[in-house]
Amino acid sequence: MKEKLETLKTEAVAQITATETLKELNDVRVAYLGKKGPITEIMQGMKNLPAEERPQFGAIVNVVKNEIAQLIEERQVVLEEKEVNEKLSKEQIDITLPGAPIKIGSRHLLTKTVEDIEDLFISLGYSVAEGPEVESDHHNFEMLNLPKGHPARDMQDSFYINEDTLLRTHTSPVQVRTLLKHGGQGPVKIICPGKVFRRDDDDATHSHQFMQVEGLVVDENVSMADLKGTLELFVKKTFGESREIRLRPSFFPFTEPSVEVDLSCIFCSGKGCGTCKQTGWIEILGAGMVHPNVLEMAGFDSKKYTGFAFGMGVERIAMLKYGVTDIRGFYTNDVRFLNQFKRN
């Protein structure tokens, strides 16, 4: 029996070594260690041995069985590694080939411009206020010192829904609504970003729909110097520390005095070029001290409170800051235009 076990072991080792696949190895395992294999058959034949020989012979059988099992496990590790390597060689990826591009979106340039303006003024203690885009004539005009029939209404050719309702022509009604909420008690310190609508012919510099950011400060002892300092800070943070502003007298029904604000040309540094029409200055926004009539209609004592307001077109700021020459680029959703301003 011992000789038979040694012969069996030698045969098993030869077959295990010759296996090339995991399936072949499993067949060898079943053939030698399975329920119908020779090892099992030999162990079942132990009952025919004398009782005193069974323990010794059983130990010998277990040694052979364990050695064959150990060889099978070692061969399995080798074959599994071989199989993985063959699979990897067949599934090689050529890393020199260009990958499939993944298109990643980004914030729209107008959204980014508004958010940058908001961040600046929030850091100065302003709150962001919003209001309806469909507005009443009362809030859009009358509360801003523009009664019916006022000639200045012609400056803002409007989209009327009915006699008393229209698409807002500026975000100033948000200022009015905020003043009314305060019930005549200051301070008020807000900016009002949003879309506005005017009947205008679309071209490179005009659009029937555009965006504004307006600002309003009402408190005791607010002066024109506060307005100028605020606008100077805005210009320097937006266009660079070397930029300067100048204030020119103008007229707006809701501010008195009123000014147009010019920026020293960012293209020629004030020397004169085609963009600034050789003047060295570019108009960027309008501003002024809040008209006493506007304060009184909102319930504020104009002898106690003063304030300033300003308004700017977001497209105007974005065009100057990013070198955009046609306002229509903001609204045509041309990916080629938008990709120019994508940030990684």
Foldseek 3Di string as FASTA:
>chain_A
DLVVLVVVLVVLLVQLVPDQAPVSLVVSCCQDVNCPHPLVVVLVVLVVPPPVCSVVVVVSSVVSVVVSVVSSVVSVVVNVVVVVVVVCVVVDDDPVDDDDDDDDDDDFLLVVLVVVLVVVLVVVVAAEFEDDQKDWCCLQAVLLQHDPPRPCVVVFAFAAPDPTIGGRAARNSRVLVVLLVCQQDDWHWYKYKDKGAGPDDFWQPDDRIFIKIKIKTKAFPDDPVNVLVVVLVVCCVQLHVLKDKDWDFDDDSFAPRKTFIKIQQSVPSQCADPVCNGRRIHTFWIKHKGDCSSSVSSNHDSVGMIMMMIMGTSLSSSCRRVVRRGSCLSPPPDVVSRVVPDDD
